[in-house]
Amino acid sequence: MQVDQILAEIDSEIELLQQVRRLLAGLDGRRSKGSKAAKLAKKTAGKSKISAEGRRRISEALKRRWAARKKEASAGKLK
């Protein structure tokens, strides 16, 4: 291999690594406010992934669970 060819390959590899670095730097929270990734993150942030019905069911189940524990605790005190 000639020196010029080796240097050209090294330069192309450096450019590729710089592109990868720029992409990764954008993923670690240093995105610009106008980037597509930032807009998507803002759009989906805080959105609930569970329906109101699902939240209601969980709430009722937890209330039943704590009522049962309270009942067991009070029954244990009477003995």
PDB file of N, CA and C in Angstrom:
ATOM      1  N   MET A   1       0.833  -1.173   0.000  1.00  0.00           N
ATOM      2  CA  MET A   1       0.000   0.000   0.000  1.00  0.00           C
ATOM      3  C   MET A   1       0.880   1.238   0.000  1.00  0.00           C
ATOM      4  N   GLN A   2       0.427   2.209  -0.698  1.00  0.00           N
ATOM      5  CA  GLN A   2       1.172   3.452  -0.734  1.00  0.00           C
ATOM      6  C   GLN A   2       0.748   4.344   0.432  1.00  0.00           C
ATOM      7  N   VAL A   3       1.618   5.235   0.796  1.00  0.00           N
ATOM      8  CA  VAL A   3       1.376   6.126   1.922  1.00  0.00           C
ATOM      9  C   VAL A   3       0.141   6.991   1.659  1.00  0.00           C
ATOM     10  N   ASP A   4      -0.012   7.496   0.446  1.00  0.00           N
ATOM     11  CA  ASP A   4      -1.167   8.344   0.124  1.00  0.00           C
ATOM     12  C   ASP A   4      -2.477   7.583   0.309  1.00  0.00           C
ATOM     13  N   GLN A   5      -2.498   6.322  -0.073  1.00  0.00           N
ATOM     14  CA  GLN A   5      -3.705   5.509   0.066  1.00  0.00           C
ATOM     15  C   GLN A   5      -4.014   5.257   1.547  1.00  0.00           C
ATOM     16  N   ILE A   6      -2.982   4.995   2.334  1.00  0.00           N
ATOM     17  CA  ILE A   6      -3.160   4.770   3.774  1.00  0.00           C
ATOM     18  C   ILE A   6      -3.710   6.034   4.435  1.00  0.00           C
ATOM     19  N   LEU A   7      -3.153   7.181   4.088  1.00  0.00           N
ATOM     20  CA  LEU A   7      -3.619   8.441   4.657  1.00  0.00           C
ATOM     21  C   LEU A   7      -5.070   8.736   4.269  1.00  0.00           C
ATOM     22  N   ALA A   8      -5.453   8.413   3.048  1.00  0.00           N
ATOM     23  CA  ALA A   8      -6.829   8.623   2.597  1.00  0.00           C
ATOM     24  C   ALA A   8      -7.790   7.744   3.387  1.00  0.00           C
ATOM     25  N   GLU A   9      -7.403   6.510   3.640  1.00  0.00           N
ATOM     26  CA  GLU A   9      -8.252   5.609   4.424  1.00  0.00           C
ATOM     27  C   GLU A   9      -8.365   6.087   5.871  1.00  0.00           C
ATOM     28  N   ILE A  10      -7.275   6.567   6.414  1.00  0.00           N
ATOM     29  CA  ILE A  10      -7.299   7.087   7.785  1.00  0.00           C
ATOM     30  C   ILE A  10      -8.223   8.305   7.864  1.00  0.00           C
ATOM     31  N   ASP A  11      -8.121   9.200   6.888  1.00  0.00           N
ATOM     32  CA  ASP A  11      -8.974  10.389   6.866  1.00  0.00           C
ATOM     33  C   ASP A  11     -10.454  10.024   6.759  1.00  0.00           C
ATOM     34  N   SER A  12     -10.777   9.040   5.927  1.00  0.00           N
ATOM     35  CA  SER A  12     -12.178   8.636   5.803  1.00  0.00           C
ATOM     36  C   SER A  12     -12.680   7.993   7.094  1.00  0.00           C
ATOM     37  N   GLU A  13     -11.812   7.249   7.761  1.00  0.00           N
ATOM     38  CA  GLU A  13     -12.176   6.625   9.036  1.00  0.00           C
ATOM     39  C   GLU A  13     -12.388   7.701  10.108  1.00  0.00           C
ATOM     40  N   ILE A  14     -11.543   8.709  10.118  1.00  0.00           N
ATOM     41  CA  ILE A  14     -11.685   9.807  11.077  1.00  0.00           C
ATOM     42  C   ILE A  14     -13.007  10.530  10.849  1.00  0.00           C
ATOM     43  N   GLU A  15     -13.343  10.802   9.605  1.00  0.00           N
ATOM     44  CA  GLU A  15     -14.605  11.483   9.291  1.00  0.00           C
ATOM     45  C   GLU A  15     -15.798  10.652   9.753  1.00  0.00           C
ATOM     46  N   LEU A  16     -15.744   9.350   9.536  1.00  0.00           N
ATOM     47  CA  LEU A  16     -16.820   8.463   9.970  1.00  0.00           C
ATOM     48  C   LEU A  16     -16.954   8.495  11.496  1.00  0.00           C
ATOM     49  N   LEU A  17     -15.844   8.428  12.200  1.00  0.00           N
ATOM     50  CA  LEU A  17     -15.882   8.463  13.668  1.00  0.00           C
ATOM     51  C   LEU A  17     -16.410   9.807  14.178  1.00  0.00           C
ATOM     52  N   GLN A  18     -16.072  10.897  13.506  1.00  0.00           N
ATOM     53  CA  GLN A  18     -16.579  12.206  13.903  1.00  0.00           C
ATOM     54  C   GLN A  18     -18.096  12.286  13.714  1.00  0.00           C
ATOM     55  N   GLN A  19     -18.590  11.701  12.636  1.00  0.00           N
ATOM     56  CA  GLN A  19     -20.034  11.685  12.409  1.00  0.00           C
ATOM     57  C   GLN A  19     -20.743  10.892  13.508  1.00  0.00           C
ATOM     58  N   VAL A  20     -20.174   9.746  13.852  1.00  0.00           N
ATOM     59  CA  VAL A  20     -20.752   8.908  14.912  1.00  0.00           C
ATOM     60  C   VAL A  20     -20.736   9.668  16.230  1.00  0.00           C
ATOM     61  N   ARG A  21     -19.651  10.370  16.518  1.00  0.00           N
ATOM     62  CA  ARG A  21     -19.543  11.133  17.750  1.00  0.00           C
ATOM     63  C   ARG A  21     -20.602  12.238  17.802  1.00  0.00           C
ATOM     64  N   ARG A  22     -20.807  12.928  16.681  1.00  0.00           N
ATOM     65  CA  ARG A  22     -21.822  13.982  16.642  1.00  0.00           C
ATOM     66  C   ARG A  22     -23.208  13.405  16.894  1.00  0.00           C
ATOM     67  N   LEU A  23     -23.488  12.243  16.321  1.00  0.00           N
ATOM     68  CA  LEU A  23     -24.789  11.606  16.543  1.00  0.00           C
ATOM     69  C   LEU A  23     -24.971  11.215  18.010  1.00  0.00           C
ATOM     70  N   LEU A  24     -23.931  10.617  18.582  1.00  0.00           N
ATOM     71  CA  LEU A  24     -24.031  10.197  19.980  1.00  0.00           C
ATOM     72  C   LEU A  24     -24.119  11.392  20.921  1.00  0.00           C
ATOM     73  N   ALA A  25     -23.443  12.464  20.612  1.00  0.00           N
ATOM     74  CA  ALA A  25     -23.506  13.665  21.456  1.00  0.00           C
ATOM     75  C   ALA A  25     -24.919  14.218  21.464  1.00  0.00           C
ATOM     76  N   GLY A  26     -25.651  14.063  20.389  1.00  0.00           N
ATOM     77  CA  GLY A  26     -27.030  14.533  20.335  1.00  0.00           C
ATOM     78  C   GLY A  26     -27.972  13.670  21.139  1.00  0.00           C
ATOM     79  N   LEU A  27     -27.587  12.454  21.467  1.00  0.00           N
ATOM     80  CA  LEU A  27     -28.458  11.539  22.194  1.00  0.00           C
ATOM     81  C   LEU A  27     -28.314  11.657  23.700  1.00  0.00           C
ATOM     82  N   ASP A  28     -27.287  12.325  24.193  1.00  0.00           N
ATOM     83  CA  ASP A  28     -27.054  12.355  25.637  1.00  0.00           C
ATOM     84  C   ASP A  28     -27.641  13.583  26.319  1.00  0.00           C
ATOM     85  N   GLY A  29     -28.652  14.183  25.726  1.00  0.00           N
ATOM     86  CA  GLY A  29     -29.326  15.289  26.369  1.00  0.00           C
ATOM     87  C   GLY A  29     -28.867  16.649  25.891  1.00  0.00           C
ATOM     88  N   ARG A  30     -27.874  16.692  25.040  1.00  0.00           N
ATOM     89  CA  ARG A  30     -27.394  17.972  24.533  1.00  0.00           C
ATOM     90  C   ARG A  30     -28.013  18.277  23.181  1.00  0.00           C
ATOM     91  N   ARG A  31     -29.235  17.843  22.972  1.00  0.00           N
ATOM     92  CA  ARG A  31     -29.935  18.103  21.717  1.00  0.00           C
ATOM     93  C   ARG A  31     -30.333  19.564  21.669  1.00  0.00           C
ATOM     94  N   SER A  32     -30.426  20.058  20.483  1.00  0.00           N
ATOM     95  CA  SER A  32     -30.936  21.423  20.356  1.00  0.00           C
ATOM     96  C   SER A  32     -32.444  21.383  20.565  1.00  0.00           C
ATOM     97  N   LYS A  33     -33.011  22.493  20.998  1.00  0.00           N
ATOM     98  CA  LYS A  33     -34.435  22.529  21.311  1.00  0.00           C
ATOM     99  C   LYS A  33     -35.300  22.305  20.082  1.00  0.00           C
ATOM    100  N   GLY A  34     -34.755  22.581  18.909  1.00  0.00           N
ATOM    101  CA  GLY A  34     -35.540  22.446  17.696  1.00  0.00           C
ATOM    102  C   GLY A  34     -35.373  21.113  16.992  1.00  0.00           C
ATOM    103  N   SER A  35     -34.573  20.205  17.550  1.00  0.00           N
ATOM    104  CA  SER A  35     -34.341  18.932  16.875  1.00  0.00           C
ATOM    105  C   SER A  35     -35.580  18.046  16.938  1.00  0.00           C
ATOM    106  N   LYS A  36     -35.689  17.139  16.003  1.00  0.00           N
ATOM    107  CA  LYS A  36     -36.838  16.228  15.970  1.00  0.00           C
ATOM    108  C   LYS A  36     -36.884  15.382  17.235  1.00  0.00           C
ATOM    109  N   ALA A  37     -35.706  14.925  17.685  1.00  0.00           N
ATOM    110  CA  ALA A  37     -35.663  14.088  18.882  1.00  0.00           C
ATOM    111  C   ALA A  37     -36.126  14.871  20.108  1.00  0.00           C
ATOM    112  N   ALA A  38     -35.730  16.144  20.200  1.00  0.00           N
ATOM    113  CA  ALA A  38     -36.145  16.964  21.331  1.00  0.00           C
ATOM    114  C   ALA A  38     -37.650  17.192  21.301  1.00  0.00           C
ATOM    115  N   LYS A  39     -38.199  17.448  20.113  1.00  0.00           N
ATOM    116  CA  LYS A  39     -39.639  17.664  19.993  1.00  0.00           C
ATOM    117  C   LYS A  39     -40.408  16.405  20.375  1.00  0.00           C
ATOM    118  N   LEU A  40     -39.918  15.249  19.943  1.00  0.00           N
ATOM    119  CA  LEU A  40     -40.584  13.995  20.274  1.00  0.00           C
ATOM    120  C   LEU A  40     -40.519  13.736  21.772  1.00  0.00           C
ATOM    121  N   ALA A  41     -39.353  13.986  22.376  1.00  0.00           N
ATOM    122  CA  ALA A  41     -39.208  13.772  23.816  1.00  0.00           C
ATOM    123  C   ALA A  41     -40.149  14.679  24.588  1.00  0.00           C
ATOM    124  N   LYS A  42     -40.282  15.934  24.149  1.00  0.00           N
ATOM    125  CA  LYS A  42     -41.173  16.869  24.825  1.00  0.00           C
ATOM    126  C   LYS A  42     -42.631  16.460  24.643  1.00  0.00           C
ATOM    127  N   LYS A  43     -42.959  15.980  23.451  1.00  0.00           N
ATOM    128  CA  LYS A  43     -44.337  15.594  23.142  1.00  0.00           C
ATOM    129  C   LYS A  43     -44.776  14.394  23.975  1.00  0.00           C
ATOM    130  N   THR A  44     -43.882  13.425  24.185  1.00  0.00           N
ATOM    131  CA  THR A  44     -44.247  12.204  24.893  1.00  0.00           C
ATOM    132  C   THR A  44     -43.970  12.282  26.386  1.00  0.00           C
ATOM    133  N   ALA A  45     -43.256  13.311  26.841  1.00  0.00           N
ATOM    134  CA  ALA A  45     -42.937  13.429  28.261  1.00  0.00           C
ATOM    135  C   ALA A  45     -44.201  13.700  29.057  1.00  0.00           C
ATOM    136  N   GLY A  46     -44.375  12.975  30.136  1.00  0.00           N
ATOM    137  CA  GLY A  46     -45.496  13.217  31.015  1.00  0.00           C
ATOM    138  C   GLY A  46     -46.808  12.587  30.583  1.00  0.00           C
ATOM    139  N   LYS A  47     -46.836  11.996  29.411  1.00  0.00           N
ATOM    140  CA  LYS A  47     -48.077  11.362  28.979  1.00  0.00           C
ATOM    141  C   LYS A  47     -48.244  10.037  29.715  1.00  0.00           C
ATOM    142  N   SER A  48     -49.437   9.792  30.165  1.00  0.00           N
ATOM    143  CA  SER A  48     -49.730   8.560  30.870  1.00  0.00           C
ATOM    144  C   SER A  48     -49.876   7.421  29.870  1.00  0.00           C
ATOM    145  N   LYS A  49     -49.322   6.293  30.209  1.00  0.00           N
ATOM    146  CA  LYS A  49     -49.415   5.145  29.336  1.00  0.00           C
ATOM    147  C   LYS A  49     -50.523   4.199  29.788  1.00  0.00           C
ATOM    148  N   ILE A  50     -51.270   4.628  30.793  1.00  0.00           N
ATOM    149  CA  ILE A  50     -52.339   3.795  31.309  1.00  0.00           C
ATOM    150  C   ILE A  50     -53.651   4.591  31.213  1.00  0.00           C
ATOM    151  N   SER A  51     -54.707   3.902  30.905  1.00  0.00           N
ATOM    152  CA  SER A  51     -55.995   4.581  30.725  1.00  0.00           C
ATOM    153  C   SER A  51     -56.591   4.956  32.086  1.00  0.00           C
ATOM    154  N   ALA A  52     -57.580   5.795  32.040  1.00  0.00           N
ATOM    155  CA  ALA A  52     -58.280   6.193  33.270  1.00  0.00           C
ATOM    156  C   ALA A  52     -58.920   4.970  33.924  1.00  0.00           C
ATOM    157  N   GLU A  53     -59.463   4.079  33.112  1.00  0.00           N
ATOM    158  CA  GLU A  53     -60.060   2.845  33.627  1.00  0.00           C
ATOM    159  C   GLU A  53     -59.013   2.005  34.349  1.00  0.00           C
ATOM    160  N   GLY A  54     -57.842   1.904  33.770  1.00  0.00           N
ATOM    161  CA  GLY A  54     -56.756   1.139  34.391  1.00  0.00           C
ATOM    162  C   GLY A  54     -56.328   1.738  35.723  1.00  0.00           C
ATOM    163  N   ARG A  55     -56.219   3.074  35.762  1.00  0.00           N
ATOM    164  CA  ARG A  55     -55.867   3.740  37.020  1.00  0.00           C
ATOM    165  C   ARG A  55     -56.936   3.498  38.075  1.00  0.00           C
ATOM    166  N   ARG A  56     -58.195   3.524  37.669  1.00  0.00           N
ATOM    167  CA  ARG A  56     -59.297   3.286  38.610  1.00  0.00           C
ATOM    168  C   ARG A  56     -59.218   1.871  39.177  1.00  0.00           C
ATOM    169  N   ARG A  57     -58.965   0.905  38.318  1.00  0.00           N
ATOM    170  CA  ARG A  57     -58.870  -0.496  38.771  1.00  0.00           C
ATOM    171  C   ARG A  57     -57.724  -0.678  39.760  1.00  0.00           C
ATOM    172  N   ILE A  58     -56.587  -0.068  39.460  1.00  0.00           N
ATOM    173  CA  ILE A  58     -55.434  -0.174  40.360  1.00  0.00           C
ATOM    174  C   ILE A  58     -55.762   0.477  41.700  1.00  0.00           C
ATOM    175  N   SER A  59     -56.405   1.630  41.661  1.00  0.00           N
ATOM    176  CA  SER A  59     -56.778   2.328  42.889  1.00  0.00           C
ATOM    177  C   SER A  59     -57.690   1.462  43.747  1.00  0.00           C
ATOM    178  N   GLU A  60     -58.691   0.872  43.128  1.00  0.00           N
ATOM    179  CA  GLU A  60     -59.622   0.019  43.874  1.00  0.00           C
ATOM    180  C   GLU A  60     -58.920  -1.208  44.446  1.00  0.00           C
ATOM    181  N   ALA A  61     -58.028  -1.803  43.668  1.00  0.00           N
ATOM    182  CA  ALA A  61     -57.300  -2.977  44.149  1.00  0.00           C
ATOM    183  C   ALA A  61     -56.422  -2.621  45.345  1.00  0.00           C
ATOM    184  N   LEU A  62     -55.776  -1.466  45.296  1.00  0.00           N
ATOM    185  CA  LEU A  62     -54.933  -1.043  46.409  1.00  0.00           C
ATOM    186  C   LEU A  62     -55.766  -0.756  47.657  1.00  0.00           C
ATOM    187  N   LYS A  63     -56.927  -0.160  47.464  1.00  0.00           N
ATOM    188  CA  LYS A  63     -57.811   0.107  48.607  1.00  0.00           C
ATOM    189  C   LYS A  63     -58.244  -1.200  49.270  1.00  0.00           C
ATOM    190  N   ARG A  64     -58.594  -2.193  48.436  1.00  0.00           N
ATOM    191  CA  ARG A  64     -58.980  -3.506  48.991  1.00  0.00           C
ATOM    192  C   ARG A  64     -57.800  -4.140  49.724  1.00  0.00           C
ATOM    193  N   ARG A  65     -56.620  -4.021  49.147  1.00  0.00           N
ATOM    194  CA  ARG A  65     -55.421  -4.618  49.757  1.00  0.00           C
ATOM    195  C   ARG A  65     -55.152  -3.997  51.126  1.00  0.00           C
ATOM    196  N   TRP A  66     -55.185  -2.656  51.188  1.00  0.00           N
ATOM    197  CA  TRP A  66     -54.903  -1.994  52.458  1.00  0.00           C
ATOM    198  C   TRP A  66     -56.015  -2.227  53.474  1.00  0.00           C
ATOM    199  N   ALA A  67     -57.234  -2.363  53.018  1.00  0.00           N
ATOM    200  CA  ALA A  67     -58.334  -2.666  53.933  1.00  0.00           C
ATOM    201  C   ALA A  67     -58.135  -4.060  54.535  1.00  0.00           C
ATOM    202  N   ALA A  68     -57.701  -5.010  53.709  1.00  0.00           N
ATOM    203  CA  ALA A  68     -57.460  -6.367  54.206  1.00  0.00           C
ATOM    204  C   ALA A  68     -56.315  -6.376  55.212  1.00  0.00           C
ATOM    205  N   ARG A  69     -55.258  -5.621  54.929  1.00  0.00           N
ATOM    206  CA  ARG A  69     -54.127  -5.564  55.869  1.00  0.00           C
ATOM    207  C   ARG A  69     -54.544  -4.902  57.186  1.00  0.00           C
ATOM    208  N   LYS A  70     -55.342  -3.870  57.080  1.00  0.00           N
ATOM    209  CA  LYS A  70     -55.815  -3.191  58.284  1.00  0.00           C
ATOM    210  C   LYS A  70     -56.679  -4.134  59.107  1.00  0.00           C
ATOM    211  N   LYS A  71     -57.510  -4.917  58.411  1.00  0.00           N
ATOM    212  CA  LYS A  71     -58.374  -5.867  59.115  1.00  0.00           C
ATOM    213  C   LYS A  71     -57.542  -6.942  59.812  1.00  0.00           C
ATOM    214  N   GLU A  72     -56.503  -7.436  59.117  1.00  0.00           N
ATOM    215  CA  GLU A  72     -55.613  -8.451  59.719  1.00  0.00           C
ATOM    216  C   GLU A  72     -54.888  -7.881  60.921  1.00  0.00           C
ATOM    217  N   ALA A  73     -54.444  -6.638  60.820  1.00  0.00           N
ATOM    218  CA  ALA A  73     -53.725  -6.015  61.921  1.00  0.00           C
ATOM    219  C   ALA A  73     -54.628  -5.837  63.131  1.00  0.00           C
ATOM    220  N   SER A  74     -55.864  -5.421  62.902  1.00  0.00           N
ATOM    221  CA  SER A  74     -56.794  -5.221  64.022  1.00  0.00           C
ATOM    222  C   SER A  74     -57.202  -6.560  64.614  1.00  0.00           C
ATOM    223  N   ALA A  75     -57.326  -7.589  63.798  1.00  0.00           N
ATOM    224  CA  ALA A  75     -57.677  -8.931  64.309  1.00  0.00           C
ATOM    225  C   ALA A  75     -56.526  -9.472  65.142  1.00  0.00           C
ATOM    226  N   GLY A  76     -55.295  -9.162  64.764  1.00  0.00           N
ATOM    227  CA  GLY A  76     -54.138  -9.628  65.519  1.00  0.00           C
ATOM    228  C   GLY A  76     -54.039  -8.962  66.885  1.00  0.00           C
ATOM    229  N   LYS A  77     -54.518  -7.761  67.015  1.00  0.00           N
ATOM    230  CA  LYS A  77     -54.469  -7.049  68.269  1.00  0.00           C
ATOM    231  C   LYS A  77     -55.488  -7.589  69.263  1.00  0.00           C
ATOM    232  N   LEU A  78     -56.599  -8.142  68.749  1.00  0.00           N
ATOM    233  CA  LEU A  78     -57.659  -8.643  69.622  1.00  0.00           C
ATOM    234  C   LEU A  78     -57.308  -9.958  70.282  1.00  0.00           C
ATOM    235  N   LYS A  79     -56.407 -10.701  69.701  1.00  0.00           N
ATOM    236  CA  LYS A  79     -56.063 -12.026  70.260  1.00  0.00           C
ATOM    237  C   LYS A  79     -55.214 -11.940  71.478  1.00  0.00           C
TER     238      LYS A  79
END
